[in-house]
């Protein structure tokens, strides 16, 4: 038998470092003694001590100095920090425009705060008069700036007032259309609801196509649901000719229409303004009439459908305010005149003007000693807007305290139109009040409002409108007749 040659390999002890490093590589790697053989084993522990600078590790973020990539460090800052610089610029601009008042020209500085002059806009002189908007001098300048709040005060240029969504019932009528003009000039979105019983689409034609204007043919005796912030409730025939034509419809409009609008205000949380009337005073025993006077109304007379209807509307408004917390405002409107009045609506100013233009005698009912107070429509609109934006419920008398007898009014119309116009006396109508004059102390103190357009200044504007509509219609009718005759 051959003896096996002695092995040349040397058997290492069990606890020799080499043997342990093969058996437990993790222990030695932690100690920082990893060999290439250890690194090729399945279990490798990597620490920051084993990472060689410059090693290409796909799972480790590559750090470097970003400023070294750009030749200009300033360009890098402007490029990488652009949003921060934009925010800083916006903040500086906001602060600047918030504290710097808007620039006003020399003409504005010469106009006192409470002084207004009714003028016709030069830019609309070439349009038909029915499309002209009569506004005050200061309101035209303010609307050009677009920075007037509801109370008539200037807002800093950087702070724009909230655009309101406003409902105007009866907005196609005489007063309503002028109110719509002012609200549109202010920048609000306006919804007009009208059944066109007395309203005219021609009063609003200049707003057609404006995205902030909407016209809905609807009768307020039926409910309607709209999302609005404010409600000006003007819908109701206001002239004797119209409200005597259908007395039941008149009182239904006053009661059911007001109920529906108050219900809408409750549902959407809108502020509600009721346009009441001086007729709630009836044939007054107190002169002039203050808001505290309860009136002297015949509840079964031919005018009571309008008088008592408005009194009921006031009652409903106050009940909704006290019982349900609805924000309401109440205005008692006295005799108002101006462009866009119905030509044959039976009210004294429109009657006199139309008769004088047509060369007809001016009809005075009774002895002509009855007194009335006449305010221009722009003054009324200003009062309504101040009342809506104010903090007081009312009621407030809105009228001109200048008092005229019917004979004096006829004489003013003669001076303005035709000095040779005759005056014809006729029997007085039933329940016609003998005196009517507002006490506007409350409006002066709480609203800062008072009318400034005198009868002799405002009446020529109304006469020009009536002349255009009366004789313009006649010219069109004669043209159509001649065309038909020639074609025949």
Protein backbone atom coordinates (compact mmCIF):
# COMPACT_ATOMS: atom_id res chain seq x y z
CA UNK A 1 0.00 0.00 0.00
CA UNK A 2 1.25 3.35 -0.82
CA UNK A 3 1.03 5.88 1.85
CA UNK A 4 -0.62 9.05 0.85
CA UNK A 5 1.74 11.92 0.77
CA UNK A 6 1.33 14.41 3.45
CA UNK A 7 -1.01 17.31 2.53
CA UNK A 8 0.70 20.51 1.66
CA UNK A 9 -2.23 22.61 2.86
CA UNK A 10 -2.04 23.80 6.31
CA UNK A 11 -5.10 23.32 8.44
CA UNK A 12 -6.00 26.57 10.13
CA UNK A 13 -7.43 26.75 13.58
CA UNK A 14 -11.18 27.17 13.89
CA UNK A 15 -10.99 30.71 15.28
CA UNK A 16 -8.32 31.97 12.97
CA UNK A 17 -9.16 35.39 11.47
CA UNK A 18 -9.06 34.08 7.92
CA UNK A 19 -11.48 31.29 8.75
CA UNK A 20 -13.80 33.68 10.55
CA UNK A 21 -13.72 36.18 7.69
CA UNK A 22 -14.94 33.51 5.27
CA UNK A 23 -17.59 32.26 7.63
CA UNK A 24 -18.79 35.62 8.95
CA UNK A 25 -17.96 38.27 6.34
CA UNK A 26 -20.46 40.75 7.75
CA UNK A 27 -18.56 41.07 10.98
CA UNK A 28 -15.34 41.90 9.28
CA UNK A 29 -16.93 44.27 6.80
CA UNK A 30 -18.36 46.24 9.63
CA UNK A 31 -14.94 46.45 11.08
CA UNK A 32 -13.73 47.93 7.81
CA UNK A 33 -11.55 44.94 6.86
CA UNK A 34 -13.49 43.83 3.77
CA UNK A 35 -11.37 42.12 1.16
CA UNK A 36 -12.19 41.63 -2.49
CA UNK A 37 -13.33 38.14 -1.65
CA UNK A 38 -15.57 39.44 1.06
CA UNK A 39 -17.05 42.05 -1.25
CA UNK A 40 -18.01 39.36 -3.74
CA UNK A 41 -20.02 37.50 -1.15
CA UNK A 42 -23.79 37.67 -1.11
CA UNK A 43 -23.96 39.86 2.00
CA UNK A 44 -22.21 43.16 1.63
CA UNK A 45 -22.59 46.07 4.05
CA UNK A 46 -22.06 49.51 2.60
CA UNK A 47 -21.31 52.46 4.76
CA UNK A 48 -20.15 55.97 4.10
CA UNK A 49 -16.68 54.78 4.80
CA UNK A 50 -16.79 52.37 1.89
CA UNK A 51 -18.13 54.84 -0.70
CA UNK A 52 -15.32 56.14 -2.77
CA UNK A 53 -15.67 59.70 -4.04
CA UNK A 54 -16.44 59.73 -7.69
CA UNK A 55 -17.96 56.23 -7.68
CA UNK A 56 -20.81 55.93 -10.15
CA UNK A 57 -23.72 54.84 -7.90
CA UNK A 58 -27.07 54.85 -9.67
CA UNK A 59 -28.98 54.84 -6.39
CA UNK A 60 -27.19 57.70 -4.71
CA UNK A 61 -27.94 61.36 -5.45
CA UNK A 62 -25.27 63.21 -7.29
CA UNK A 63 -24.30 66.33 -5.44
CA UNK A 64 -22.55 69.21 -6.90
CA UNK A 65 -22.36 73.00 -6.84
CA UNK A 66 -25.16 74.28 -9.11
CA UNK A 67 -23.50 77.65 -9.39
CA UNK A 68 -20.64 75.96 -11.23
CA UNK A 69 -23.03 74.90 -14.02
CA UNK A 70 -24.04 78.46 -14.82
CA UNK A 71 -21.47 80.94 -15.94
CA UNK A 72 -23.39 83.70 -14.09
CA UNK A 73 -24.71 82.97 -10.55
CA UNK A 74 -27.18 85.88 -10.84
CA UNK A 75 -28.82 84.28 -13.88
CA UNK A 76 -29.17 81.03 -11.99
CA UNK A 77 -30.91 82.78 -9.08
CA UNK A 78 -33.30 84.64 -11.39
CA UNK A 79 -34.10 81.43 -13.29
CA UNK A 80 -34.54 79.06 -10.38
CA UNK A 81 -36.25 81.48 -7.97
CA UNK A 82 -38.67 83.02 -10.49
CA UNK A 83 -41.90 82.19 -8.55
CA UNK A 84 -40.50 83.83 -5.44
CA UNK A 85 -39.74 87.05 -7.31
CA UNK A 86 -43.25 87.03 -8.87
CA UNK A 87 -44.87 86.76 -5.44
CA UNK A 88 -42.71 89.55 -4.09
CA UNK A 89 -43.72 91.78 -7.01
CA UNK A 90 -47.42 91.08 -6.50
CA UNK A 91 -47.12 91.93 -2.81
CA UNK A 92 -45.38 95.23 -3.54
CA UNK A 93 -47.95 96.19 -6.20
CA UNK A 94 -50.85 95.37 -3.89
CA UNK A 95 -49.45 97.52 -1.11
CA UNK A 96 -48.76 100.38 -3.51
CA UNK A 97 -52.24 100.45 -5.12
CA UNK A 98 -53.96 99.99 -1.76
CA UNK A 99 -52.51 103.11 -0.22
CA UNK A 100 -52.16 105.40 -3.24
CA UNK A 101 -55.52 107.17 -4.00
CA UNK A 102 -56.73 107.21 -7.61
CA UNK A 103 -55.76 110.18 -9.70
CA UNK A 104 -58.47 112.77 -10.27
CA UNK A 105 -58.37 115.46 -12.87
CA UNK A 106 -58.68 119.16 -12.23
CA UNK A 107 -62.36 119.23 -13.17
CA UNK A 108 -63.20 116.60 -10.54
CA UNK A 109 -61.44 118.57 -7.85
CA UNK A 110 -63.58 121.61 -8.63
CA UNK A 111 -66.84 119.68 -8.11
CA UNK A 112 -68.10 119.69 -4.51
CA UNK A 113 -68.91 116.28 -3.07
CA UNK A 114 -72.65 116.89 -2.83
CA UNK A 115 -73.09 118.93 -5.99
CA UNK A 116 -74.36 117.24 -9.14
CA UNK A 117 -75.45 118.61 -12.50
CA UNK A 118 -77.71 116.59 -14.78
CA UNK A 119 -76.23 116.50 -18.27
CA UNK A 120 -76.44 114.45 -21.42
CA UNK A 121 -73.44 112.34 -22.29
CA UNK A 122 -71.58 113.79 -25.25
CA UNK A 123 -70.89 110.31 -26.57
CA UNK A 124 -74.61 109.57 -26.95
CA UNK A 125 -75.88 112.82 -28.49
CA UNK A 126 -76.15 111.17 -31.90
CA UNK A 127 -78.33 108.34 -30.57
CA UNK A 128 -82.12 108.52 -30.32
CA UNK A 129 -83.21 110.13 -27.10
CA UNK A 130 -84.79 106.91 -25.85
CA UNK A 131 -81.29 105.44 -25.75
CA UNK A 132 -79.66 108.32 -23.96
CA UNK A 133 -78.70 107.93 -20.36
CA UNK A 134 -79.07 110.96 -18.15
CA UNK A 135 -76.49 110.81 -15.38
CA UNK A 136 -74.93 113.27 -13.00
CA UNK A 137 -71.55 114.83 -13.60
CA UNK A 138 -69.82 113.25 -10.65
CA UNK A 139 -71.34 109.84 -11.32
CA UNK A 140 -70.00 109.91 -14.88
CA UNK A 141 -66.47 110.59 -13.67
CA UNK A 142 -66.72 108.00 -10.92
CA UNK A 143 -68.02 105.33 -13.27
CA UNK A 144 -65.11 106.05 -15.61
CA UNK A 145 -62.76 105.22 -12.77
CA UNK A 146 -64.76 102.12 -11.96
CA UNK A 147 -63.83 102.41 -8.29
CA UNK A 148 -66.91 103.72 -6.52
CA UNK A 149 -68.48 101.77 -3.73
CA UNK A 150 -72.19 101.62 -3.07
CA UNK A 151 -72.17 104.58 -0.74
CA UNK A 152 -70.65 106.88 -3.34
CA UNK A 153 -67.17 106.94 -1.80
CA UNK A 154 -64.00 106.38 -3.77
CA UNK A 155 -62.33 103.02 -3.29
CA UNK A 156 -58.51 102.74 -3.54
CA UNK A 157 -57.47 101.72 -7.02
CA UNK A 158 -56.11 98.34 -5.94
CA UNK A 159 -59.28 97.31 -4.11
CA UNK A 160 -62.21 96.65 -6.43
CA UNK A 161 -65.72 96.46 -5.00
CA UNK A 162 -67.55 93.19 -5.20
CA UNK A 163 -69.67 92.84 -8.30
CA UNK A 164 -73.28 92.24 -7.26
CA UNK A 165 -75.98 90.25 -9.00
CA UNK A 166 -79.09 92.41 -8.77
CA UNK A 167 -82.72 91.73 -9.65
CA UNK A 168 -84.90 94.67 -10.72
CA UNK A 169 -88.60 93.88 -11.03
CA UNK A 170 -90.36 96.30 -13.34
CA UNK A 171 -86.96 97.21 -14.75
CA UNK A 172 -88.32 98.01 -18.21
CA UNK A 173 -90.49 100.80 -16.84
CA UNK A 174 -89.85 104.48 -16.36
CA UNK A 175 -87.98 104.49 -13.04
CA UNK A 176 -86.73 100.92 -13.33
CA UNK A 177 -84.88 101.48 -16.60
CA UNK A 178 -83.00 104.47 -15.17
CA UNK A 179 -82.08 102.39 -12.13
CA UNK A 180 -80.80 99.62 -14.41
CA UNK A 181 -78.62 102.18 -16.23
CA UNK A 182 -76.97 103.25 -12.97
CA UNK A 183 -76.41 99.68 -11.79
CA UNK A 184 -74.88 98.70 -15.12
CA UNK A 185 -72.61 101.74 -15.05
CA UNK A 186 -71.46 100.67 -11.60
CA UNK A 187 -70.37 97.32 -13.01
CA UNK A 188 -73.01 95.05 -11.48
CA UNK A 189 -74.81 92.18 -13.17
CA UNK A 190 -78.49 93.03 -13.58
CA UNK A 191 -81.49 90.79 -14.16
CA UNK A 192 -84.68 92.57 -15.23
CA UNK A 193 -88.04 90.89 -14.70
CA UNK A 194 -90.99 92.61 -16.38
CA UNK A 195 -94.33 91.61 -17.89
CA UNK A 196 -94.32 94.70 -20.16
CA UNK A 197 -97.76 95.87 -19.11
CA UNK A 198 -96.37 99.38 -18.70
CA UNK A 199 -92.69 98.69 -19.39
CA UNK A 200 -91.08 99.17 -22.80
CA UNK A 201 -88.26 97.14 -24.33
CA UNK A 202 -86.98 100.33 -25.95
CA UNK A 203 -85.97 101.59 -22.51
CA UNK A 204 -83.38 98.80 -22.24
CA UNK A 205 -82.34 98.26 -25.84
CA UNK A 206 -78.92 99.84 -25.26
CA UNK A 207 -78.06 96.99 -22.84
CA UNK A 208 -78.85 94.16 -25.26
CA UNK A 209 -75.76 92.04 -25.86
CA UNK A 210 -74.07 93.02 -22.62
CA UNK A 211 -73.05 89.80 -20.80
CA UNK A 212 -73.90 91.42 -17.45
CA UNK A 213 -77.50 92.11 -18.50
CA UNK A 214 -80.40 89.69 -18.62
CA UNK A 215 -84.06 90.37 -19.45
CA UNK A 216 -86.82 87.94 -18.43
CA UNK A 217 -90.46 88.33 -19.39
CA UNK A 218 -92.27 87.27 -16.25
CA UNK A 219 -95.13 88.38 -14.01
CA UNK A 220 -94.16 88.71 -10.37
CA UNK A 221 -97.50 87.31 -9.22
CA UNK A 222 -95.92 83.96 -10.14
CA UNK A 223 -92.89 82.73 -8.16
CA UNK A 224 -89.45 82.76 -9.75
CA UNK A 225 -86.13 81.38 -8.53
CA UNK A 226 -82.96 83.34 -9.23
CA UNK A 227 -79.61 83.60 -7.47
CA UNK A 228 -79.19 87.29 -6.61
CA UNK A 229 -77.64 89.50 -3.93
CA UNK A 230 -80.17 92.36 -4.01
CA UNK A 231 -83.78 92.80 -5.11
CA UNK A 232 -85.23 96.15 -6.18
CA UNK A 233 -88.99 95.53 -6.26
CA UNK A 234 -90.54 98.19 -8.51
CA UNK A 235 -93.10 96.07 -10.35
CA UNK A 236 -96.55 97.65 -10.18
CA UNK A 237 -98.50 100.06 -12.40
CA UNK A 238 -98.11 103.49 -10.80
CA UNK A 239 -100.36 105.75 -12.86
CA UNK A 240 -104.12 106.12 -12.27
CA UNK A 241 -104.93 105.16 -15.85
CA UNK A 242 -103.11 101.85 -15.50
CA UNK A 243 -103.96 100.77 -11.98
CA UNK A 244 -107.65 101.71 -12.41
CA UNK A 245 -107.80 99.66 -15.63
CA UNK A 246 -107.63 96.41 -13.62
CA UNK A 247 -107.88 97.11 -9.87
CA UNK A 248 -107.82 93.42 -8.90
CA UNK A 249 -104.65 92.86 -10.91
CA UNK A 250 -103.12 95.95 -9.29
CA UNK A 251 -103.67 94.83 -5.72
CA UNK A 252 -102.67 91.29 -6.63
CA UNK A 253 -99.37 92.59 -7.99
CA UNK A 254 -98.79 94.60 -4.83
CA UNK A 255 -99.58 91.72 -2.46
CA UNK A 256 -98.67 88.49 -4.28
CA UNK A 257 -95.76 90.06 -6.13
CA UNK A 258 -94.29 91.39 -2.91
CA UNK A 259 -94.82 88.03 -1.17
CA UNK A 260 -93.02 86.20 -3.97
CA UNK A 261 -90.08 88.61 -3.95
CA UNK A 262 -89.81 88.47 -0.16
CA UNK A 263 -89.86 84.68 -0.40
CA UNK A 264 -87.06 84.80 -2.94
CA UNK A 265 -85.07 87.13 -0.68
CA UNK A 266 -85.53 84.69 2.21
CA UNK A 267 -84.49 81.70 0.12
CA UNK A 268 -81.29 83.17 -1.35
CA UNK A 269 -80.39 85.59 1.47
CA UNK A 270 -80.79 88.73 -0.64
CA UNK A 271 -81.47 92.27 0.55
CA UNK A 272 -84.91 93.48 -0.50
CA UNK A 273 -86.00 97.05 -1.32
CA UNK A 274 -89.69 97.90 -1.68
CA UNK A 275 -90.64 100.96 -3.68
CA UNK A 276 -93.74 102.16 -1.88
CA UNK A 277 -95.50 105.44 -2.58
CA UNK A 278 -96.65 108.70 -1.09
CA UNK A 279 -100.17 107.45 -1.77
CA UNK A 280 -99.99 105.59 1.56
CA UNK A 281 -100.65 109.00 3.14
CA UNK A 282 -103.93 109.32 1.21
CA UNK A 283 -105.44 112.79 1.48
CA UNK A 284 -103.14 113.87 4.31
CA UNK A 285 -104.20 115.85 7.32
CA UNK A 286 -100.56 116.57 8.19
CA UNK A 287 -98.45 118.84 6.00
CA UNK A 288 -95.72 118.20 5.06
CA UNK A 289 -95.87 114.45 5.53
CA UNK A 290 -93.23 112.76 7.69
CA UNK A 291 -92.64 109.03 7.81
CA UNK A 292 -94.29 108.84 11.23
CA UNK A 293 -97.65 109.97 9.79
CA UNK A 294 -100.05 107.02 9.37
CA UNK A 295 -102.07 108.55 6.58
CA UNK A 296 -105.70 109.19 5.71
CA UNK A 297 -106.69 106.62 3.07
CA UNK A 298 -110.14 105.68 1.85
CA UNK A 299 -110.02 101.86 1.91
CA UNK A 300 -112.96 101.45 -0.49
CA UNK A 301 -112.22 104.25 -2.96
CA UNK A 302 -111.34 103.91 -6.63
CA UNK A 303 -107.66 104.51 -5.81
CA UNK A 304 -107.53 102.11 -2.87
CA UNK A 305 -106.32 99.18 -4.99
CA UNK A 306 -103.02 101.02 -5.31
CA UNK A 307 -102.96 102.87 -1.97
CA UNK A 308 -103.96 99.93 0.22
CA UNK A 309 -101.93 97.54 -1.89
CA UNK A 310 -98.75 99.48 -1.14
CA UNK A 311 -99.68 99.74 2.54
CA UNK A 312 -100.08 95.95 2.63
CA UNK A 313 -96.74 95.52 0.86
CA UNK A 314 -95.08 97.64 3.56
CA UNK A 315 -96.72 95.49 6.24
CA UNK A 316 -95.46 92.29 4.62
CA UNK A 317 -91.95 93.69 4.33
CA UNK A 318 -91.78 94.65 7.99
CA UNK A 319 -93.23 91.28 9.06
CA UNK A 320 -90.56 89.42 7.08
CA UNK A 321 -87.94 91.69 8.59
CA UNK A 322 -89.06 91.35 12.20
CA UNK A 323 -90.15 87.73 12.07
CA UNK A 324 -87.65 86.13 9.68
CA UNK A 325 -84.69 88.51 9.81
CA UNK A 326 -84.85 89.46 6.12
CA UNK A 327 -82.92 92.61 5.25
CA UNK A 328 -85.51 95.01 3.88
CA UNK A 329 -85.56 98.65 2.84
CA UNK A 330 -88.70 100.74 2.23
CA UNK A 331 -88.87 103.88 0.08
CA UNK A 332 -91.97 106.07 -0.21
CA UNK A 333 -91.71 107.71 -3.61
CA UNK A 334 -93.34 111.06 -4.35
CA UNK A 335 -94.23 112.39 -7.81
CA UNK A 336 -91.40 111.73 -10.24
CA UNK A 337 -90.91 112.91 -13.83
CA UNK A 338 -88.29 112.59 -16.54
CA UNK A 339 -87.47 110.90 -19.85
CA UNK A 340 -89.08 107.52 -20.65
CA UNK A 341 -92.35 108.28 -18.88
CA UNK A 342 -95.38 106.82 -20.60
CA UNK A 343 -96.78 109.59 -22.79
CA UNK A 344 -100.45 108.98 -22.01
CA UNK A 345 -100.29 107.49 -18.52
CA UNK A 346 -102.56 110.06 -16.89
CA UNK A 347 -100.02 111.62 -14.53
CA UNK A 348 -100.08 115.37 -14.45
CA UNK A 349 -96.58 116.17 -15.74
CA UNK A 350 -96.75 113.77 -18.67
CA UNK A 351 -100.28 114.96 -19.46
CA UNK A 352 -99.26 118.62 -19.59
CA UNK A 353 -96.13 118.00 -21.65
CA UNK A 354 -97.87 115.76 -24.21
CA UNK A 355 -100.81 118.16 -24.54
CA UNK A 356 -98.57 121.19 -25.01
CA UNK A 357 -96.52 119.42 -27.68
CA UNK A 358 -99.67 118.34 -29.50
CA UNK A 359 -101.12 121.88 -29.32
CA UNK A 360 -103.94 120.69 -27.09
CA UNK A 361 -105.27 122.57 -24.06
CA UNK A 362 -103.73 121.71 -20.70
CA UNK A 363 -106.41 119.98 -18.61
CA UNK A 364 -106.50 121.06 -14.97
CA UNK A 365 -108.84 119.11 -12.72
CA UNK A 366 -110.67 121.04 -10.02
CA UNK A 367 -109.63 124.60 -9.22
CA UNK A 368 -105.95 123.90 -9.84
CA UNK A 369 -104.94 124.72 -6.27
CA UNK A 370 -103.97 121.16 -5.40
CA UNK A 371 -100.27 120.93 -4.62
CA UNK A 372 -97.69 118.32 -5.59
CA UNK A 373 -93.92 117.95 -5.31
CA UNK A 374 -91.99 116.86 -8.38
CA UNK A 375 -88.55 115.20 -8.37
CA UNK A 376 -86.40 114.36 -11.37
CA UNK A 377 -85.82 110.66 -11.96
CA UNK A 378 -82.04 110.80 -11.47
CA UNK A 379 -82.53 112.17 -7.96
CA UNK A 380 -84.89 109.31 -7.15
CA UNK A 381 -82.48 106.66 -8.46
CA UNK A 382 -79.70 108.13 -6.35
CA UNK A 383 -81.93 107.94 -3.28
CA UNK A 384 -82.92 104.33 -3.97
CA UNK A 385 -79.31 103.22 -4.30
CA UNK A 386 -78.27 105.01 -1.14
CA UNK A 387 -81.14 103.41 0.72
CA UNK A 388 -80.29 99.92 -0.54
CA UNK A 389 -76.63 100.24 0.42
CA UNK A 390 -77.31 101.91 3.76
CA UNK A 391 -77.95 100.41 7.17
CA UNK A 392 -81.46 101.74 7.78
CA UNK A 393 -84.72 99.94 7.07
CA UNK A 394 -86.95 102.96 6.67
CA UNK A 395 -89.45 103.90 5.50
CA UNK A 396 -87.88 106.95 3.87
CA UNK A 397 -89.63 109.72 1.95
CA UNK A 398 -87.92 110.23 -1.41
CA UNK A 399 -89.23 113.36 -3.07
CA UNK A 400 -88.55 116.97 -3.82
CA UNK A 401 -89.95 119.31 -1.13
CA UNK A 402 -90.48 122.02 -3.72
CA UNK A 403 -94.26 122.44 -3.82
CA UNK A 404 -96.28 123.54 -6.88
CA UNK A 405 -99.97 124.00 -7.47
CA UNK A 406 -101.39 122.50 -10.63
CA UNK A 407 -101.76 125.98 -12.12
CA UNK A 408 -98.13 126.80 -11.35
CA UNK A 409 -97.04 123.55 -13.02
CA UNK A 410 -99.11 124.40 -16.09
CA UNK A 411 -97.42 127.79 -16.27
CA UNK A 412 -93.95 126.19 -16.12
CA UNK A 413 -94.94 123.89 -19.00
CA UNK A 414 -96.17 126.89 -20.96
CA UNK A 415 -92.85 128.68 -20.40
CA UNK A 416 -90.91 125.60 -21.51
CA UNK A 417 -92.94 124.51 -24.55
CA UNK A 418 -95.59 126.93 -25.74
CA UNK A 419 -96.50 130.19 -24.06
CA UNK A 420 -99.77 130.25 -26.02
CA UNK A 421 -100.98 126.89 -24.69
CA UNK A 422 -104.50 127.17 -23.27
CA UNK A 423 -105.58 125.86 -19.86
CA UNK A 424 -108.85 123.98 -19.61
CA UNK A 425 -110.55 123.25 -16.28
CA UNK A 426 -112.42 120.01 -15.67
CA UNK A 427 -114.18 118.48 -12.64
CA UNK A 428 -111.87 117.01 -10.08
CA UNK A 429 -111.38 113.25 -9.84
CA UNK A 430 -112.56 111.15 -6.89
CA UNK A 431 -110.26 110.85 -3.84
CA UNK A 432 -107.71 113.20 -5.36
CA UNK A 433 -105.41 114.46 -2.54
CA UNK A 434 -105.45 118.20 -1.99
CA UNK A 435 -101.87 118.53 -0.75
CA UNK A 436 -98.71 116.47 -1.08
CA UNK A 437 -95.27 117.50 0.13
CA UNK A 438 -92.56 115.26 1.60
CA UNK A 439 -90.62 115.86 4.78
CA UNK A 440 -87.17 114.52 3.82
CA UNK A 441 -85.38 115.32 7.09
CA UNK A 442 -84.86 111.63 7.78
CA UNK A 443 -83.33 110.99 4.35
CA UNK A 444 -81.01 113.96 4.74
CA UNK A 445 -79.75 112.86 8.13
CA UNK A 446 -79.46 109.09 7.63
CA UNK A 447 -78.85 108.72 3.91
CA UNK A 448 -77.10 112.00 3.14
CA UNK A 449 -79.54 112.43 0.27
CA UNK A 450 -81.53 115.35 -1.05
CA UNK A 451 -82.77 116.21 -4.56
CA UNK A 452 -80.86 118.87 -6.45
CA UNK A 453 -82.57 119.03 -9.87
CA UNK A 454 -85.16 121.77 -10.00
CA UNK A 455 -88.33 121.50 -12.06
CA UNK A 456 -87.20 124.17 -14.50
CA UNK A 457 -83.92 122.35 -15.07
CA UNK A 458 -85.28 118.84 -15.44
CA UNK A 459 -88.45 119.55 -17.40
CA UNK A 460 -86.66 120.51 -20.68
CA UNK A 461 -84.94 117.10 -20.70
CA UNK A 462 -88.30 115.40 -20.44
CA UNK A 463 -89.78 117.64 -23.13
CA UNK A 464 -86.99 116.74 -25.56
CA UNK A 465 -87.62 113.04 -24.96
CA UNK A 466 -91.37 113.41 -25.48
CA UNK A 467 -90.88 115.51 -28.61
CA UNK A 468 -88.62 112.85 -30.11
CA UNK A 469 -91.05 110.05 -29.31
CA UNK A 470 -94.27 111.82 -30.31
CA UNK A 471 -93.15 113.41 -33.55
CA UNK A 472 -90.71 110.62 -34.38
CA UNK A 473 -93.60 108.15 -34.27
CA UNK A 474 -95.72 110.44 -36.42
CA UNK A 475 -92.96 110.76 -39.00
CA UNK A 476 -92.54 106.98 -39.15
CA UNK A 477 -96.29 106.46 -39.45
CA UNK A 478 -96.57 108.98 -42.29
CA UNK A 479 -93.59 107.38 -44.07
CA UNK A 480 -95.16 103.94 -43.84
CA UNK A 481 -98.51 105.33 -45.12
CA UNK A 482 -96.86 106.99 -48.11
CA UNK A 483 -94.99 103.79 -48.94
CA UNK A 484 -98.17 101.72 -48.85
CA UNK A 485 -100.01 104.29 -51.03
CA UNK A 486 -97.27 104.44 -53.63
CA UNK A 487 -97.03 100.66 -53.81
CA UNK A 488 -100.78 100.40 -54.29
